């Protein structure tokens, strides 16, 4: 019976946490009290519990936790031996004492932690070993140490892990060589022999006193904290890891729980997606830069062509000006020559008339005939400028003055100081055939804008839909509609400013809220007034009223 129990004990398989060990201890106590009812504990059950409890005690680093485990082991060892004293030798062989500070079949609780001097010696040895390594070996040590510890899923505590020699990749690997050095320095011990041997840290205290191990444990705890916050916070993308050392180290952990595995997978996926998006954006930017460079090159080429064309045009203009000056000079010479010839002919004519002829009379007659021919053909001696007086035309008509703000001004009269006059139409809110139940307003597009108006222009207690309706206006409020020019008075300006309306007959004025655009120009009216505004001004349907709006953008 005992042999079967011994064979069933898994090697170095601890409870997930000290709390789970205590719960199992409570369960065994409950079963022990059931002996009087015919149901008690079997020796194999107690031996199995002792094996798991001892393995749990070996991985705990806190002295008080290890003491608690030792007390539980002492109790159940005493129970087992009181029932069968012959088991003392078998238990000694099954659970040999080691240097972990937790033992079975102890006469008294073993020493919980090593003495201060031994701990200081171990810490000094670990630090000196780390300082003696070169850069490459130090990197190998950082890869190796995480394989010698495990992070508990339930208690977030670290415990020692036996690293099988078969996981090292052969005796010639860097990690195997480094482990042999650690064994010589008594920082790591060997359990078992031959190919089935495994490597374990010499003492759990190294988790706290070896700087490299402390850093590794801190990184591991940080990774779990990030994964837990991501899992409990709704698994948001913002909580995932960026591509970098932390994500790379997380991929090397061998004791991940389910949510840590998911956290790691989603982080890799988000990182890949982010990298693809960055590459896409980079590609778009490069494409845009290429387009801009091409456009700039084309613009430069066009500018160069324009400069050359301008230079060519300037040269042509200069040559044309030279030809004009040359032509004017020749014309002036020709005109002078022509005028001198005409003077000679006139002198000859005068001499002929006087009966004194100094030249051949036939030549004089010929010159006179030429002059007559020129006059008959309507020509003028070369060099005489033509008549350049502009033709007489009627002066242009002055344009008709139209108010720039209100559109469709055919039914309006423009006055001075921004006033415009025209007929009015009254809003008949409840029985106006032009108003449909679903008609909305052009100026007030939502209830937030409606509630901001002071004083209010809508009825109280109406059912609110997505937008305010014309039928929901309060007929007694002061409001109006006109054919606004939004380029001069934008919708936002009309919302924030009151419009002044005047009765030209009485001179009475009132300031009202613009709510809509209209009426149509074909109706013959300039503006729509609320009944409340019409009453305030003493106006009726079809009366003339004046509205003051800016002549340009305010």
Protein backbone atom coordinates (compact mmCIF):
# COMPACT_ATOMS: atom_id res chain seq x y z
CA UNK A 1 0.00 0.00 0.00
CA UNK A 2 2.79 2.37 0.98
CA UNK A 3 4.85 1.43 -2.10
CA UNK A 4 1.92 2.28 -4.36
CA UNK A 5 1.54 5.65 -2.63
CA UNK A 6 5.24 6.36 -3.08
CA UNK A 7 5.05 5.60 -6.80
CA UNK A 8 2.07 7.96 -7.21
CA UNK A 9 3.83 11.05 -5.83
CA UNK A 10 4.81 13.41 -8.69
CA UNK A 11 8.37 14.76 -8.47
CA UNK A 12 8.62 18.37 -7.26
CA UNK A 13 4.97 19.21 -7.98
CA UNK A 14 3.93 21.89 -5.45
CA UNK A 15 0.54 23.32 -4.69
CA UNK A 16 -0.28 26.43 -6.70
CA UNK A 17 -0.16 28.55 -3.55
CA UNK A 18 0.17 28.41 0.23
CA UNK A 19 -3.54 29.14 0.46
CA UNK A 20 -4.36 26.00 -1.57
CA UNK A 21 -2.06 23.95 0.71
CA UNK A 22 -3.94 25.22 3.74
CA UNK A 23 -7.31 24.42 2.18
CA UNK A 24 -6.18 20.85 1.48
CA UNK A 25 -4.91 20.67 5.09
CA UNK A 26 -8.40 21.67 6.26
CA UNK A 27 -10.00 19.01 4.05
CA UNK A 28 -7.72 16.33 5.54
CA UNK A 29 -8.58 17.46 9.06
CA UNK A 30 -12.27 17.17 8.25
CA UNK A 31 -11.78 13.65 6.92
CA UNK A 32 -9.74 12.75 10.00
CA UNK A 33 -12.64 13.73 12.26
CA UNK A 34 -14.90 11.38 10.30
CA UNK A 35 -13.13 8.29 11.68
CA UNK A 36 -15.87 7.77 14.23
CA UNK A 37 -18.40 7.59 11.39
CA UNK A 38 -16.45 4.82 9.65
CA UNK A 39 -14.68 7.03 7.09
CA UNK A 40 -11.07 8.06 7.79
CA UNK A 41 -7.81 8.92 6.03
CA UNK A 42 -5.64 6.40 4.25
CA UNK A 43 -1.84 6.39 4.58
CA UNK A 44 -1.31 6.96 0.83
CA UNK A 45 -3.43 10.14 1.01
CA UNK A 46 -1.30 11.54 3.83
CA UNK A 47 1.97 10.59 2.08
CA UNK A 48 0.77 12.20 -1.17
CA UNK A 49 -0.12 15.40 0.72
CA UNK A 50 3.28 15.42 2.48
CA UNK A 51 5.10 15.21 -0.86
CA UNK A 52 3.22 18.18 -2.37
CA UNK A 53 3.52 20.19 0.85
CA UNK A 54 7.30 19.71 1.01
CA UNK A 55 7.65 20.77 -2.65
CA UNK A 56 5.56 23.87 -1.86
CA UNK A 57 7.73 24.76 1.12
CA UNK A 58 10.88 24.56 -0.99
CA UNK A 59 9.69 27.26 -3.40
CA UNK A 60 8.55 29.76 -0.76
CA UNK A 61 10.99 32.54 0.13
CA UNK A 62 9.19 34.27 3.02
CA UNK A 63 10.32 32.84 6.40
CA UNK A 64 6.82 32.98 7.89
CA UNK A 65 5.38 31.05 4.93
CA UNK A 66 8.04 28.35 5.16
CA UNK A 67 7.44 28.09 8.93
CA UNK A 68 3.72 27.57 8.32
CA UNK A 69 4.44 24.75 5.87
CA UNK A 70 6.88 23.14 8.34
CA UNK A 71 4.23 23.15 11.08
CA UNK A 72 1.74 21.41 8.77
CA UNK A 73 4.39 18.81 7.79
CA UNK A 74 5.22 18.14 11.46
CA UNK A 75 1.55 17.59 12.29
CA UNK A 76 0.81 15.09 9.53
CA UNK A 77 4.13 13.29 10.03
CA UNK A 78 3.18 12.80 13.67
CA UNK A 79 -0.28 11.54 12.68
CA UNK A 80 1.21 9.05 10.23
CA UNK A 81 3.87 7.77 12.63
CA UNK A 82 1.45 7.47 15.56
CA UNK A 83 -0.68 5.15 13.46
CA UNK A 84 2.27 3.18 12.08
CA UNK A 85 5.70 3.75 13.76
CA UNK A 86 7.31 1.37 11.27
CA UNK A 87 6.99 4.04 8.57
CA UNK A 88 9.79 6.14 10.09
CA UNK A 89 12.58 4.67 7.97
CA UNK A 90 10.47 4.66 4.80
CA UNK A 91 9.55 8.32 5.26
CA UNK A 92 13.18 9.19 5.83
CA UNK A 93 14.10 7.59 2.53
CA UNK A 94 11.12 9.07 0.73
CA UNK A 95 11.64 12.64 1.99
CA UNK A 96 15.38 13.09 2.69
CA UNK A 97 16.37 16.30 4.44
CA UNK A 98 18.01 18.93 2.26
CA UNK A 99 19.17 22.48 2.74
CA UNK A 100 15.87 24.15 1.84
CA UNK A 101 14.80 24.55 5.44
CA UNK A 102 11.66 22.33 5.08
CA UNK A 103 11.74 18.64 6.07
CA UNK A 104 9.47 15.71 6.91
CA UNK A 105 9.75 13.60 10.09
CA UNK A 106 11.70 16.34 11.88
CA UNK A 107 11.88 16.13 15.64
CA UNK A 108 11.59 19.91 15.64
CA UNK A 109 11.09 22.54 12.99
CA UNK A 110 14.16 22.80 10.80
CA UNK A 111 15.96 26.04 10.31
CA UNK A 112 13.73 28.29 8.15
CA UNK A 113 16.36 30.37 6.45
CA UNK A 114 20.09 30.29 6.28
CA UNK A 115 21.88 32.39 8.84
CA UNK A 116 22.80 35.95 8.02
CA UNK A 117 26.43 35.15 7.38
CA UNK A 118 25.59 32.38 4.91
CA UNK A 119 23.11 34.60 3.09
CA UNK A 120 25.67 37.38 2.83
CA UNK A 121 28.21 34.89 1.48
CA UNK A 122 25.75 33.65 -1.15
CA UNK A 123 24.87 37.18 -2.19
CA UNK A 124 28.53 38.11 -2.48
CA UNK A 125 29.25 34.98 -4.48
CA UNK A 126 26.35 35.71 -6.88
CA UNK A 127 27.42 39.31 -7.42
CA UNK A 128 31.07 38.37 -7.95
CA UNK A 129 30.05 35.70 -10.45
CA UNK A 130 27.96 38.20 -12.43
CA UNK A 131 30.78 40.76 -12.47
CA UNK A 132 33.28 38.20 -13.74
CA UNK A 133 31.30 37.52 -16.96
CA UNK A 134 31.93 39.19 -20.28
CA UNK A 135 29.12 40.83 -22.27
CA UNK A 136 28.23 37.71 -24.30
CA UNK A 137 28.13 35.43 -21.25
CA UNK A 138 26.09 38.00 -19.30
CA UNK A 139 23.49 37.92 -22.07
CA UNK A 140 23.46 34.10 -21.88
CA UNK A 141 22.92 34.35 -18.11
CA UNK A 142 19.93 36.66 -18.63
CA UNK A 143 18.41 34.09 -20.99
CA UNK A 144 19.15 31.19 -18.63
CA UNK A 145 17.95 32.49 -15.25
CA UNK A 146 14.23 32.84 -16.22
CA UNK A 147 14.24 29.11 -17.02
CA UNK A 148 15.17 28.29 -13.40
CA UNK A 149 12.16 30.08 -11.83
CA UNK A 150 8.42 29.96 -12.26
CA UNK A 151 5.71 32.50 -11.45
CA UNK A 152 2.75 31.05 -9.55
CA UNK A 153 -0.62 31.56 -11.24
CA UNK A 154 -2.58 31.90 -8.01
CA UNK A 155 -0.38 33.83 -5.55
CA UNK A 156 1.89 35.82 -7.87
CA UNK A 157 4.90 34.35 -6.03
CA UNK A 158 8.07 32.95 -7.54
CA UNK A 159 9.33 29.43 -6.88
CA UNK A 160 12.32 27.39 -8.03
CA UNK A 161 11.95 25.31 -11.16
CA UNK A 162 14.00 22.22 -12.06
CA UNK A 163 15.39 22.73 -15.56
CA UNK A 164 15.83 19.38 -17.36
CA UNK A 165 19.19 18.92 -19.03
CA UNK A 166 17.38 17.84 -22.19
CA UNK A 167 16.04 21.41 -22.59
CA UNK A 168 19.53 22.89 -22.96
CA UNK A 169 20.29 21.81 -26.51
CA UNK A 170 23.33 19.64 -25.79
CA UNK A 171 26.35 19.72 -23.50
CA UNK A 172 28.28 22.05 -25.82
CA UNK A 173 25.70 24.82 -25.78
CA UNK A 174 26.46 28.16 -24.13
CA UNK A 175 23.77 27.60 -21.48
CA UNK A 176 25.16 24.14 -20.58
CA UNK A 177 28.66 25.56 -20.13
CA UNK A 178 27.32 28.41 -18.01
CA UNK A 179 25.33 25.99 -15.83
CA UNK A 180 28.45 23.97 -15.11
CA UNK A 181 30.16 27.16 -13.90
CA UNK A 182 27.15 27.95 -11.70
CA UNK A 183 27.29 24.44 -10.22
CA UNK A 184 30.99 24.88 -9.38
CA UNK A 185 30.18 28.16 -7.65
CA UNK A 186 27.36 26.36 -5.75
CA UNK A 187 24.77 28.79 -7.06
CA UNK A 188 23.00 25.90 -8.84
CA UNK A 189 22.73 22.26 -7.78
CA UNK A 190 22.13 19.13 -9.84
CA UNK A 191 19.23 16.79 -9.08
CA UNK A 192 19.35 13.28 -10.55
CA UNK A 193 21.98 11.70 -12.74
CA UNK A 194 22.66 11.08 -16.39
CA UNK A 195 20.37 12.38 -19.14
CA UNK A 196 17.46 12.70 -16.68
CA UNK A 197 19.30 15.15 -14.42
CA UNK A 198 17.97 18.63 -13.86
CA UNK A 199 19.34 21.93 -12.59
CA UNK A 200 17.87 23.90 -9.66
CA UNK A 201 18.95 27.14 -8.01
CA UNK A 202 20.86 26.44 -4.80
CA UNK A 203 18.45 28.39 -2.60
CA UNK A 204 15.24 30.34 -2.95
CA UNK A 205 16.93 33.27 -1.22
CA UNK A 206 18.73 33.94 -4.50
CA UNK A 207 15.43 35.29 -5.84
CA UNK A 208 15.89 38.27 -3.55
CA UNK A 209 19.65 38.68 -3.19
CA UNK A 210 20.87 38.10 -6.77
CA UNK A 211 20.45 41.43 -8.66
CA UNK A 212 19.90 39.75 -12.02
CA UNK A 213 17.19 37.49 -10.60
CA UNK A 214 15.52 40.40 -8.81
CA UNK A 215 15.34 42.31 -12.08
CA UNK A 216 13.96 39.28 -13.94
CA UNK A 217 11.30 38.72 -11.26
CA UNK A 218 10.38 42.41 -11.32
CA UNK A 219 9.97 42.36 -15.11
CA UNK A 220 7.89 39.20 -14.91
CA UNK A 221 5.62 40.66 -12.24
CA UNK A 222 5.24 43.87 -14.27
CA UNK A 223 4.26 41.88 -17.36
CA UNK A 224 1.56 40.02 -15.43
CA UNK A 225 0.27 43.29 -13.97
CA UNK A 226 -0.05 44.79 -17.46
CA UNK A 227 -1.81 41.69 -18.75
CA UNK A 228 -4.17 41.61 -15.76
CA UNK A 229 -5.11 45.27 -16.14
CA UNK A 230 -5.72 44.72 -19.87
CA UNK A 231 -7.92 41.70 -19.16
CA UNK A 232 -9.91 43.28 -16.32
CA UNK A 233 -10.22 46.65 -18.08
CA UNK A 234 -12.18 45.36 -21.07
CA UNK A 235 -9.20 44.35 -23.21
CA UNK A 236 -8.76 47.77 -24.77
CA UNK A 237 -6.25 48.34 -27.55
CA UNK A 238 -4.67 51.22 -25.66
CA UNK A 239 -3.47 48.82 -22.93
CA UNK A 240 -1.55 46.52 -25.32
CA UNK A 241 2.24 46.52 -25.54
CA UNK A 242 4.14 48.38 -28.22
CA UNK A 243 6.79 46.60 -30.27
CA UNK A 244 9.97 46.64 -28.20
CA UNK A 245 12.07 44.82 -25.54
CA UNK A 246 9.15 44.22 -23.17
CA UNK A 247 7.13 42.46 -25.86
CA UNK A 248 10.17 40.41 -26.90
CA UNK A 249 10.90 39.34 -23.30
CA UNK A 250 7.25 38.46 -22.75
CA UNK A 251 7.40 36.06 -25.68
CA UNK A 252 10.14 34.06 -23.88
CA UNK A 253 8.12 33.35 -20.71
CA UNK A 254 7.13 29.68 -20.27
CA UNK A 255 4.70 30.07 -17.34
CA UNK A 256 2.04 32.27 -18.95
CA UNK A 257 -1.55 31.97 -17.77
CA UNK A 258 -4.48 32.15 -20.19
CA UNK A 259 -5.03 35.92 -20.10
CA UNK A 260 -1.26 36.55 -20.40
CA UNK A 261 -1.14 34.39 -23.54
CA UNK A 262 -4.07 36.33 -25.02
CA UNK A 263 -2.44 39.62 -24.00
CA UNK A 264 0.76 38.60 -25.77
CA UNK A 265 -1.04 37.46 -28.94
CA UNK A 266 -3.15 40.62 -29.15
CA UNK A 267 -0.08 42.79 -28.52
CA UNK A 268 1.76 41.12 -31.39
CA UNK A 269 -1.29 41.54 -33.62
CA UNK A 270 -1.75 45.20 -32.69
CA UNK A 271 1.96 45.84 -33.15
CA UNK A 272 1.91 44.27 -36.61
CA UNK A 273 -1.22 46.22 -37.52
CA UNK A 274 0.34 49.44 -36.21
CA UNK A 275 3.50 48.77 -38.20
CA UNK A 276 1.49 48.12 -41.37
CA UNK A 277 -0.46 51.31 -40.79
CA UNK A 278 2.75 53.26 -40.26
CA UNK A 279 4.19 51.81 -43.45
CA UNK A 280 0.97 52.73 -45.27
CA UNK A 281 1.11 56.29 -43.94
CA UNK A 282 4.81 56.48 -44.82
CA UNK A 283 4.03 55.26 -48.32
CA UNK A 284 1.28 57.86 -48.68
CA UNK A 285 3.61 60.58 -47.46
CA UNK A 286 6.32 59.47 -49.87
CA UNK A 287 3.77 59.38 -52.67
CA UNK A 288 2.55 62.84 -51.73
CA UNK A 289 6.12 64.09 -51.57
CA UNK A 290 6.76 62.61 -55.02
CA UNK A 291 3.66 64.31 -56.39
CA UNK A 292 4.70 67.61 -54.83
CA UNK A 293 8.21 67.21 -56.23
CA UNK A 294 6.83 66.47 -59.70
CA UNK A 295 4.38 69.38 -59.44
CA UNK A 296 7.18 71.66 -58.28
CA UNK A 297 9.37 70.49 -61.16
CA UNK A 298 6.57 71.12 -63.65
CA UNK A 299 5.97 74.56 -62.13
CA UNK A 300 9.69 75.37 -62.39
CA UNK A 301 9.74 74.27 -66.04
CA UNK A 302 6.65 76.37 -66.78
CA UNK A 303 8.22 79.31 -64.97
CA UNK A 304 11.41 78.93 -66.99
CA UNK A 305 9.38 78.80 -70.20
CA UNK A 306 7.42 81.87 -69.09
CA UNK A 307 10.65 83.73 -68.33
CA UNK A 308 12.06 82.80 -71.74
CA UNK A 309 8.82 83.81 -73.44
CA UNK A 310 8.87 87.11 -71.54
CA UNK A 311 12.48 87.73 -72.52
CA UNK A 312 11.61 86.91 -76.14
CA UNK A 313 8.59 89.23 -75.98
CA UNK A 314 10.74 92.00 -74.49
CA UNK A 315 13.27 91.60 -77.28
CA UNK A 316 10.48 91.67 -79.89
CA UNK A 317 9.03 94.77 -78.24
CA UNK A 318 12.43 96.43 -78.24
CA UNK A 319 12.93 95.62 -81.93
CA UNK A 320 9.43 96.86 -82.71
CA UNK A 321 10.10 100.10 -80.85
CA UNK A 322 13.32 100.51 -82.85
CA UNK A 323 11.37 99.98 -86.08
CA UNK A 324 8.73 102.49 -84.95
CA UNK A 325 11.40 105.09 -84.17
CA UNK A 326 13.11 104.40 -87.49
CA UNK A 327 9.81 104.60 -89.33
CA UNK A 328 8.85 107.84 -87.61
CA UNK A 329 12.25 109.28 -88.54
CA UNK A 330 11.79 108.29 -92.16
CA UNK A 331 8.27 109.67 -92.18
CA UNK A 332 9.55 112.91 -90.76
CA UNK A 333 12.20 113.06 -93.46
CA UNK A 334 9.62 112.27 -96.13
CA UNK A 335 7.25 114.88 -94.75
CA UNK A 336 10.01 117.49 -94.78
CA UNK A 337 10.99 116.56 -98.33
CA UNK A 338 7.34 116.61 -99.45
CA UNK A 339 6.70 119.95 -97.81
CA UNK A 340 9.78 121.42 -99.55
CA UNK A 341 8.65 120.10 -102.92
CA UNK A 342 5.18 121.57 -102.46
CA UNK A 343 6.72 124.91 -101.55
CA UNK A 344 8.80 124.86 -104.73
CA UNK A 345 5.74 124.12 -106.83
CA UNK A 346 3.78 126.90 -105.23
CA UNK A 347 6.64 129.24 -105.91
CA UNK A 348 6.68 128.15 -109.54
CA UNK A 349 2.93 128.68 -109.81
CA UNK A 350 3.32 132.15 -108.37
CA UNK A 351 6.06 132.92 -110.79
CA UNK A 352 4.01 131.64 -113.70
CA UNK A 353 1.16 133.80 -112.60
CA UNK A 354 3.49 136.73 -112.41
CA UNK A 355 4.72 135.97 -115.89
CA UNK A 356 8.23 135.21 -114.69
CA UNK A 357 9.14 131.67 -115.60
CA UNK A 358 12.47 130.27 -114.49
CA UNK A 359 11.76 126.68 -115.38
CA UNK A 360 10.00 124.75 -118.04
CA UNK A 361 6.28 125.50 -117.80
CA UNK A 362 5.41 121.94 -118.74
CA UNK A 363 7.02 120.60 -115.58
CA UNK A 364 5.02 123.03 -113.48
CA UNK A 365 1.82 121.90 -115.10
CA UNK A 366 2.72 118.28 -114.37
CA UNK A 367 3.34 119.01 -110.70
CA UNK A 368 0.05 120.84 -110.43
CA UNK A 369 -1.73 117.88 -111.97
CA UNK A 370 -0.17 115.53 -109.36
CA UNK A 371 -1.43 117.72 -106.55
CA UNK A 372 -4.90 117.76 -108.04
CA UNK A 373 -4.89 113.94 -108.35
CA UNK A 374 -3.87 113.54 -104.70
CA UNK A 375 -6.68 115.82 -103.56
CA UNK A 376 -9.23 113.95 -105.71
CA UNK A 377 -8.19 110.54 -104.30
CA UNK A 378 -8.64 111.78 -100.65
CA UNK A 379 -5.02 111.01 -99.75
CA UNK A 380 -2.79 113.19 -97.70
CA UNK A 381 0.88 113.89 -98.12
CA UNK A 382 3.00 111.16 -96.52
CA UNK A 383 3.90 111.84 -92.89
CA UNK A 384 0.72 113.72 -91.95
CA UNK A 385 -0.91 112.03 -88.90
CA UNK A 386 -4.52 110.89 -89.28
CA UNK A 387 -7.37 112.30 -87.17
CA UNK A 388 -7.26 110.46 -83.82
CA UNK A 389 -10.13 112.22 -82.11
CA UNK A 390 -12.44 109.59 -80.45
CA UNK A 391 -15.93 109.19 -81.85
CA UNK A 392 -18.66 110.94 -80.00
CA UNK A 393 -20.75 108.41 -77.95
CA UNK A 394 -23.49 108.74 -75.37
CA UNK A 395 -22.31 108.62 -71.72
CA UNK A 396 -22.93 105.24 -69.96
CA UNK A 397 -26.03 104.94 -67.79
CA UNK A 398 -25.42 104.75 -64.01
CA UNK A 399 -26.18 101.27 -62.59
CA UNK A 400 -29.37 100.82 -60.58
CA UNK A 401 -28.65 100.77 -56.78
CA UNK A 402 -29.64 97.43 -55.23
CA UNK A 403 -29.29 96.46 -51.53
CA UNK A 404 -26.50 93.85 -51.32
CA UNK A 405 -27.86 91.80 -48.41
CA UNK A 406 -31.48 90.81 -49.12
CA UNK A 407 -31.77 88.80 -52.36
CA UNK A 408 -34.62 89.08 -54.92
CA UNK A 409 -35.02 92.82 -54.32
CA UNK A 410 -37.61 93.29 -57.05
CA UNK A 411 -40.26 93.70 -54.32
CA UNK A 412 -38.13 95.97 -52.12
CA UNK A 413 -36.96 99.55 -52.08
CA UNK A 414 -33.43 100.33 -50.96
CA UNK A 415 -33.10 103.19 -48.48
CA UNK A 416 -30.06 104.79 -46.80
CA UNK A 417 -28.19 103.58 -43.72
CA UNK A 418 -28.89 99.88 -44.41
CA UNK A 419 -32.70 100.13 -44.28
CA UNK A 420 -34.84 98.36 -46.89
CA UNK A 421 -38.58 98.76 -47.35
CA UNK A 422 -41.19 96.26 -48.55
CA UNK A 423 -44.52 94.62 -47.84
CA UNK A 424 -44.96 92.26 -44.92
CA UNK A 425 -46.68 88.91 -44.55
CA UNK A 426 -47.75 87.56 -41.18
CA UNK A 427 -46.86 84.09 -39.83
CA UNK A 428 -50.15 82.34 -39.17
CA UNK A 429 -48.58 79.54 -37.12
CA UNK A 430 -51.68 77.47 -36.48
CA UNK A 431 -53.63 77.86 -39.75
CA UNK A 432 -51.15 78.99 -42.42
CA UNK A 433 -51.69 76.75 -45.51
CA UNK A 434 -48.06 77.33 -46.52
CA UNK A 435 -46.77 75.65 -43.34
CA UNK A 436 -46.60 71.84 -43.19
CA UNK A 437 -46.39 69.94 -39.88
CA UNK A 438 -42.90 68.73 -40.76
CA UNK A 439 -41.47 72.08 -41.95
CA UNK A 440 -38.18 72.98 -40.26
CA UNK A 441 -36.36 76.31 -39.98
CA UNK A 442 -33.37 77.46 -42.02
CA UNK A 443 -31.73 79.52 -39.24
CA UNK A 444 -32.38 77.38 -36.11
CA UNK A 445 -31.27 73.83 -36.90
CA UNK A 446 -31.33 72.13 -33.45
CA UNK A 447 -32.83 72.47 -29.97
CA UNK A 448 -29.50 73.47 -28.45
CA UNK A 449 -29.54 76.61 -30.58
CA UNK A 450 -33.24 77.13 -29.81
CA UNK A 451 -32.69 76.93 -26.04
CA UNK A 452 -29.84 79.46 -26.28
CA UNK A 453 -32.16 82.19 -27.69
CA UNK A 454 -33.14 85.00 -25.33
CA UNK A 455 -36.00 85.71 -25.19
CA UNK A 456 -37.31 82.29 -26.31
CA UNK A 457 -39.37 82.04 -29.50
CA UNK A 458 -40.79 78.49 -29.16
CA UNK A 459 -43.83 77.18 -27.30
CA UNK A 460 -43.19 75.48 -23.96
CA UNK A 461 -43.99 71.82 -23.36
CA UNK A 462 -43.92 70.79 -27.03
CA UNK A 463 -42.72 67.32 -28.03
CA UNK A 464 -39.16 67.68 -29.24
CA UNK A 465 -37.98 65.88 -32.33
CA UNK A 466 -34.55 65.99 -33.97
CA UNK A 467 -35.09 69.60 -35.15
CA UNK A 468 -37.37 72.50 -34.14
CA UNK A 469 -40.43 72.91 -36.39
CA UNK A 470 -42.17 76.03 -37.75
CA UNK A 471 -45.42 74.87 -36.13
CA UNK A 472 -43.71 74.92 -32.71
CA UNK A 473 -42.99 78.67 -32.84
CA UNK A 474 -44.74 80.87 -30.26
CA UNK A 475 -46.92 83.28 -32.26
CA UNK A 476 -46.61 85.92 -29.52
CA UNK A 477 -42.80 86.02 -29.68
CA UNK A 478 -40.84 88.56 -31.75
CA UNK A 479 -39.32 86.83 -34.78
CA UNK A 480 -39.18 87.20 -38.56
CA UNK A 481 -37.96 85.66 -41.80
CA UNK A 482 -36.41 87.37 -44.84
CA UNK A 483 -34.44 86.45 -47.93
CA UNK A 484 -31.00 86.70 -46.28
CA UNK A 485 -27.73 86.80 -48.16
CA UNK A 486 -25.64 84.33 -46.15
CA UNK A 487 -22.40 85.68 -47.63
CA UNK A 488 -23.01 88.99 -45.84
CA UNK A 489 -25.00 87.80 -42.82
CA UNK A 490 -24.13 84.12 -42.17
CA UNK A 491 -26.53 81.88 -40.28
CA UNK A 492 -24.40 82.07 -37.11
CA UNK A 493 -24.50 85.88 -37.20
CA UNK A 494 -28.28 85.83 -37.58
CA UNK A 495 -28.53 83.48 -34.58
CA UNK A 496 -26.44 85.73 -32.33
CA UNK A 497 -27.82 89.16 -33.40
CA UNK A 498 -31.29 90.71 -33.39
CA UNK A 499 -32.72 92.36 -36.53
CA UNK A 500 -34.28 95.83 -36.26
CA UNK A 501 -37.73 96.31 -37.91
CA UNK A 502 -39.50 99.70 -38.23
CA UNK A 503 -43.01 100.90 -39.02
CA UNK A 504 -42.34 103.82 -41.44
CA UNK A 505 -45.76 105.28 -40.76
CA UNK A 506 -45.31 105.63 -36.98
CA UNK A 507 -41.51 105.42 -36.70
CA UNK A 508 -41.89 102.68 -34.07
CA UNK A 509 -39.08 100.04 -34.06
CA UNK A 510 -38.57 96.60 -32.51
CA UNK A 511 -35.70 94.10 -32.44
CA UNK A 512 -36.63 90.54 -33.47
CA UNK A 513 -34.97 87.14 -33.87
CA UNK A 514 -34.30 85.79 -37.39
CA UNK A 515 -35.63 82.21 -37.58
CA UNK A 516 -36.11 81.32 -41.26
CA UNK A 517 -35.45 82.26 -44.90
CA UNK A 518 -38.34 83.63 -47.01
CA UNK A 519 -40.93 84.53 -48.24
CA UNK A 520 -40.72 83.76 -51.94
CA UNK A 521 -40.20 86.82 -54.14
CA UNK A 522 -43.18 85.89 -56.32
CA UNK A 523 -45.47 86.41 -53.30
CA UNK A 524 -44.76 90.13 -53.49
CA UNK A 525 -43.60 90.40 -49.87
CA UNK A 526 -40.21 91.33 -48.42
CA UNK A 527 -40.49 89.65 -45.02
CA UNK A 528 -42.57 87.36 -42.79
CA UNK A 529 -43.37 88.79 -39.35
CA UNK A 530 -44.67 86.93 -36.31
CA UNK A 531 -48.10 88.10 -35.08
CA UNK A 532 -46.41 89.27 -31.88
CA UNK A 533 -43.92 91.43 -33.81
CA UNK A 534 -46.67 92.84 -36.08
CA UNK A 535 -48.77 93.79 -33.05
CA UNK A 536 -45.76 95.42 -31.37
CA UNK A 537 -45.22 97.62 -34.45
CA UNK A 538 -48.88 98.18 -35.30
CA UNK A 539 -48.60 96.46 -38.69
CA UNK A 540 -51.17 94.42 -40.63
CA UNK A 541 -50.99 92.04 -43.57
CA UNK A 542 -49.65 93.86 -46.68
CA UNK A 543 -48.45 96.98 -44.83
CA UNK A 544 -45.10 98.50 -45.63
CA UNK A 545 -42.28 97.91 -43.15
CA UNK A 546 -38.58 98.61 -43.07
CA UNK A 547 -35.85 96.17 -42.07
CA UNK A 548 -32.28 97.13 -41.18
CA UNK A 549 -29.51 94.73 -42.18
CA UNK A 550 -25.77 95.25 -42.83
CA UNK A 551 -24.77 96.44 -46.30
CA UNK A 552 -21.61 94.32 -46.07
CA UNK A 553 -20.15 91.57 -43.89
CA UNK A 554 -20.34 92.71 -40.23
